[in-house]
């Protein structure tokens, strides 16, 4: 699929009659969405592979969403890494759409969980490819059962992360490790299955809150690792009844 680029006047080049290329958006169709899925949860997964402009869940066709990606590269990444990915109990099926953009008419409808069926992310601070510098920090890898969490305050420890995930109904990780730099905390989470790790990304990626007066945003990404290094393993706590929690 090859789509034309838009030409727009911008910056210094525009003063002299020049043009800068702006990539044309690409629309994808996502089928197989579980009722527990919503635009933000879908974005939490897609954002690791490209910048999302808009997500529109179809009210008349349950389990289907239209996704407008910023450019063709991001769309290709979604088709490669997200198609047939299992999340929240359903397998996602991604395909190209004949539409050139996601059009929004009137106020959005409400999904079963009360969230709006349409969400615009063009100005979102969670976009990971908005600048060359941001894009260079991403690794394109397939979903694995080991997640990387990063950019958390120094006050955050393993128990805090595990409690945060538990409170949101995420699957319980089997192992956790944490490393602290001079400015932030980061670490790894390992789950029993890839599906559990993917569910956690959908539910918990970009959770916001504060600890001891410091704001945080929990950022998650797949590591590409099939398991954590033995030296980094630390058993995670289970619920009080000894059983692992299931995603909501």
Protein backbone atom coordinates (compact mmCIF):
# COMPACT_ATOMS: atom_id res chain seq x y z
CA UNK A 1 0.00 0.00 0.00
CA UNK A 2 1.46 3.32 -1.08
CA UNK A 3 -0.33 6.51 -0.24
CA UNK A 4 0.50 10.06 -1.37
CA UNK A 5 2.00 12.58 1.01
CA UNK A 6 0.34 15.89 1.67
CA UNK A 7 2.24 19.04 0.90
CA UNK A 8 1.99 21.86 3.39
CA UNK A 9 3.72 25.21 3.76
CA UNK A 10 5.77 25.28 6.91
CA UNK A 11 8.65 27.06 8.63
CA UNK A 12 11.50 28.82 6.83
CA UNK A 13 10.98 26.90 3.63
CA UNK A 14 7.47 28.30 3.35
CA UNK A 15 8.82 31.87 3.44
CA UNK A 16 10.70 31.18 0.24
CA UNK A 17 7.88 29.30 -1.45
CA UNK A 18 9.13 25.85 -0.42
CA UNK A 19 7.14 22.97 1.01
CA UNK A 20 7.65 20.31 3.62
CA UNK A 21 6.19 16.86 3.28
CA UNK A 22 3.54 15.75 5.77
CA UNK A 23 2.74 12.03 5.67
CA UNK A 24 -0.80 11.06 4.78
CA UNK A 25 -2.67 9.17 7.50
CA UNK A 26 -3.52 5.50 7.04
CA UNK A 27 -6.71 3.92 8.39
CA UNK A 28 -6.81 0.39 9.77
CA UNK A 29 -9.74 -1.78 10.79
CA UNK A 30 -9.42 -3.75 14.03
CA UNK A 31 -11.81 -6.68 14.54
CA UNK A 32 -12.22 -9.02 17.49
CA UNK A 33 -12.30 -6.41 20.26
CA UNK A 34 -13.49 -7.69 23.61
CA UNK A 35 -16.24 -5.71 25.42
CA UNK A 36 -13.60 -4.82 28.03
CA UNK A 37 -11.61 -2.95 25.38
CA UNK A 38 -11.99 0.79 24.79
CA UNK A 39 -10.10 3.43 22.75
CA UNK A 40 -7.57 4.20 25.50
CA UNK A 41 -6.77 0.54 26.13
CA UNK A 42 -6.32 -0.08 22.42
CA UNK A 43 -4.12 3.01 22.16
CA UNK A 44 -1.97 1.72 25.02
CA UNK A 45 -0.95 -1.20 22.80
CA UNK A 46 -0.76 0.54 19.42
CA UNK A 47 1.31 3.49 20.67
CA UNK A 48 4.38 1.25 20.98
CA UNK A 49 4.46 0.78 17.21
CA UNK A 50 3.45 4.15 15.78
CA UNK A 51 1.62 7.40 16.45
CA UNK A 52 -2.18 7.16 16.55
CA UNK A 53 -4.33 10.07 15.37
CA UNK A 54 -7.81 8.78 16.21
CA UNK A 55 -9.61 5.64 17.34
CA UNK A 56 -13.32 5.14 16.67
CA UNK A 57 -15.24 2.15 18.02
CA UNK A 58 -18.22 1.39 15.78
CA UNK A 59 -21.46 1.59 17.73
CA UNK A 60 -23.47 -0.37 15.16
CA UNK A 61 -20.90 -3.15 14.77
CA UNK A 62 -19.68 -4.37 18.13
CA UNK A 63 -16.08 -5.48 18.46
CA UNK A 64 -14.82 -3.37 15.55
CA UNK A 65 -12.81 -0.14 15.58
CA UNK A 66 -11.34 2.20 12.99
CA UNK A 67 -7.81 3.39 13.77
CA UNK A 68 -6.22 6.34 12.00
CA UNK A 69 -2.44 6.09 12.13
CA UNK A 70 -0.27 9.13 11.51
CA UNK A 71 1.66 7.50 8.69
CA UNK A 72 2.17 4.37 6.62
CA UNK A 73 5.17 3.18 8.65
CA UNK A 74 3.15 3.09 11.84
CA UNK A 75 0.33 1.25 10.07
CA UNK A 76 2.76 -1.34 8.72
CA UNK A 77 4.17 -1.86 12.22
CA UNK A 78 0.67 -2.47 13.59
CA UNK A 79 -0.05 -5.02 10.87
CA UNK A 80 3.20 -6.82 11.63
CA UNK A 81 3.23 -6.78 15.42
CA UNK A 82 -0.41 -6.42 16.56
CA UNK A 83 -2.38 -8.46 14.03
CA UNK A 84 -3.55 -11.72 15.69
CA UNK A 85 -2.38 -10.54 19.11
CA UNK A 86 -4.54 -11.86 21.96
CA UNK A 87 -5.68 -9.24 24.48
CA UNK A 88 -8.40 -9.27 27.13
CA UNK A 89 -9.62 -12.66 25.99
CA UNK A 90 -9.94 -11.95 22.26
CA UNK A 91 -7.66 -12.14 19.24
CA UNK A 92 -7.23 -8.89 17.32
CA UNK A 93 -7.48 -9.00 13.55
CA UNK A 94 -6.04 -5.94 11.80
CA UNK A 95 -6.50 -5.04 8.16
CA UNK A 96 -6.29 -2.02 5.85
CA UNK A 97 -9.39 0.13 5.44
CA UNK A 98 -10.66 1.72 2.24
CA UNK A 99 -11.19 4.95 4.19
CA UNK A 100 -8.51 7.64 4.04
CA UNK A 101 -9.28 9.14 7.44
CA UNK A 102 -11.48 8.61 10.48
CA UNK A 103 -14.33 11.11 10.31
CA UNK A 104 -16.09 12.12 13.52
CA UNK A 105 -19.75 13.11 13.35
CA UNK A 106 -21.41 14.71 16.35
CA UNK A 107 -20.93 13.63 19.97
CA UNK A 108 -19.43 10.17 20.47
CA UNK A 109 -21.50 7.30 21.78
CA UNK A 110 -20.71 5.50 25.01
CA UNK A 111 -19.31 1.99 25.30
CA UNK A 112 -20.39 -0.62 27.84
CA UNK A 113 -17.79 0.61 30.37
CA UNK A 114 -19.04 4.21 30.08
CA UNK A 115 -16.06 5.46 28.07
CA UNK A 116 -16.50 7.43 24.85
CA UNK A 117 -16.39 5.40 21.64
CA UNK A 118 -14.20 7.97 19.89
CA UNK A 119 -10.93 9.43 21.10
CA UNK A 120 -8.46 11.80 19.40
CA UNK A 121 -4.76 11.38 20.23
CA UNK A 122 -3.15 13.83 17.80
CA UNK A 123 -1.96 16.11 20.61
CA UNK A 124 -1.44 13.36 23.19
CA UNK A 125 1.72 13.54 25.27
CA UNK A 126 1.80 9.74 25.16
CA UNK A 127 2.77 9.62 21.47
CA UNK A 128 6.12 7.85 21.25
CA UNK A 129 7.13 8.77 17.69
CA UNK A 130 6.21 12.47 17.64
CA UNK A 131 9.84 13.59 17.21
CA UNK A 132 12.98 11.88 15.89
CA UNK A 133 14.40 11.88 19.43
CA UNK A 134 11.33 10.13 20.84
CA UNK A 135 11.20 7.67 17.95
CA UNK A 136 14.84 6.67 18.49
CA UNK A 137 14.02 5.44 22.01
CA UNK A 138 11.56 2.80 20.80
CA UNK A 139 12.33 -0.82 20.00
CA UNK A 140 10.05 -2.61 17.57
CA UNK A 141 9.61 -6.07 19.08
CA UNK A 142 6.90 -8.68 19.20
CA UNK A 143 4.79 -9.04 22.32
CA UNK A 144 6.54 -11.08 25.00
CA UNK A 145 5.77 -12.00 28.59
CA UNK A 146 8.41 -9.60 29.94
CA UNK A 147 7.56 -5.90 30.18
CA UNK A 148 9.77 -2.89 30.80
CA UNK A 149 8.42 -0.10 33.01
CA UNK A 150 10.26 3.20 33.16
CA UNK A 151 10.37 6.90 34.10
CA UNK A 152 8.89 6.36 37.56
CA UNK A 153 9.88 8.52 40.58
CA UNK A 154 12.71 7.37 42.83
CA UNK A 155 10.22 6.83 45.68
CA UNK A 156 8.61 3.97 43.76
CA UNK A 157 9.56 0.44 44.83
CA UNK A 158 8.52 -3.08 43.81
CA UNK A 159 5.62 -3.22 46.27
CA UNK A 160 4.22 0.05 44.95
CA UNK A 161 4.23 -1.21 41.35
CA UNK A 162 2.64 -4.54 42.30
CA UNK A 163 -0.09 -2.81 44.33
CA UNK A 164 -0.76 -0.41 41.47
CA UNK A 165 -1.30 -3.30 39.06
CA UNK A 166 -3.42 -5.23 41.55
CA UNK A 167 -5.70 -2.25 42.19
CA UNK A 168 -6.36 -1.96 38.45
CA UNK A 169 -7.21 -5.64 38.11
CA UNK A 170 -4.13 -6.59 36.09
CA UNK A 171 -2.72 -10.12 36.05
CA UNK A 172 -0.16 -10.68 38.78
CA UNK A 173 3.45 -10.83 37.53
CA UNK A 174 5.51 -13.83 38.55
CA UNK A 175 8.72 -11.79 38.91
CA UNK A 176 9.74 -8.16 39.23
CA UNK A 177 13.06 -6.36 39.24
CA UNK A 178 13.80 -2.68 39.71
CA UNK A 179 16.76 -0.43 38.96
CA UNK A 180 17.22 3.16 40.05
CA UNK A 181 19.25 5.88 38.39
CA UNK A 182 19.95 9.30 39.87
CA UNK A 183 16.64 10.63 38.57
CA UNK A 184 14.12 7.82 38.15
CA UNK A 185 13.11 4.20 38.73
CA UNK A 186 12.67 1.53 36.08
CA UNK A 187 12.42 -2.23 35.97
CA UNK A 188 11.11 -5.45 34.47
CA UNK A 189 7.90 -7.43 35.00
CA UNK A 190 7.55 -11.06 33.96
CA UNK A 191 4.20 -12.82 33.55
CA UNK A 192 3.19 -16.43 33.03
CA UNK A 193 2.05 -15.78 29.47
CA UNK A 194 2.29 -13.24 26.67
CA UNK A 195 -1.46 -12.70 26.98
CA UNK A 196 -1.12 -11.64 30.62
CA UNK A 197 1.61 -9.18 29.72
CA UNK A 198 -0.48 -7.79 26.86
CA UNK A 199 -3.53 -7.41 29.11
CA UNK A 200 -1.38 -5.46 31.56
CA UNK A 201 -0.23 -3.09 28.83
CA UNK A 202 -3.83 -2.48 27.75
CA UNK A 203 -5.04 -1.80 31.29
CA UNK A 204 -2.09 -0.13 33.02
CA UNK A 205 0.02 1.65 30.40
CA UNK A 206 -0.03 5.42 31.12
CA UNK A 207 -1.65 5.15 34.53
CA UNK A 208 -1.15 8.43 36.37
CA UNK A 209 -0.94 9.31 40.03
CA UNK A 210 1.37 10.69 42.69
CA UNK A 211 3.65 9.36 45.41
CA UNK A 212 4.97 11.60 48.18
CA UNK A 213 4.02 14.66 46.15
CA UNK A 214 5.72 13.51 42.96
CA UNK A 215 3.57 12.88 39.89
CA UNK A 216 4.13 9.73 37.86
CA UNK A 217 3.01 8.14 34.62
CA UNK A 218 3.49 4.39 34.43
CA UNK A 219 4.95 3.67 30.99
CA UNK A 220 5.14 0.11 29.75
CA UNK A 221 6.74 -1.56 26.73
CA UNK A 222 7.47 -5.07 25.53
CA UNK A 223 11.12 -6.00 25.96
CA UNK A 224 11.43 -8.72 23.33
CA UNK A 225 12.80 -11.00 26.09
CA UNK A 226 11.24 -14.44 26.55
CA UNK A 227 12.19 -14.41 30.23
CA UNK A 228 13.95 -12.27 32.79
CA UNK A 229 17.64 -12.87 33.51
CA UNK A 230 17.97 -15.16 36.54
CA UNK A 231 19.87 -12.56 38.53
CA UNK A 232 17.04 -10.04 38.14
CA UNK A 233 14.26 -12.31 39.34
CA UNK A 234 12.37 -11.49 42.50
CA UNK A 235 9.15 -13.34 43.23
CA UNK A 236 6.08 -11.15 43.11
CA UNK A 237 3.47 -11.34 45.83
CA UNK A 238 0.15 -13.04 45.10
CA UNK A 239 -3.24 -12.06 46.49
CA UNK A 240 -4.04 -12.94 50.06
CA UNK A 241 -5.70 -16.19 49.01
CA UNK A 242 -2.58 -17.29 47.17
CA UNK A 243 -4.23 -17.03 43.77
CA UNK A 244 -3.25 -14.79 40.91
CA UNK A 245 -5.63 -12.01 39.93
CA UNK A 246 -7.32 -11.96 36.52
CA UNK A 247 -7.62 -8.93 34.29
CA UNK A 248 -10.85 -7.00 34.37
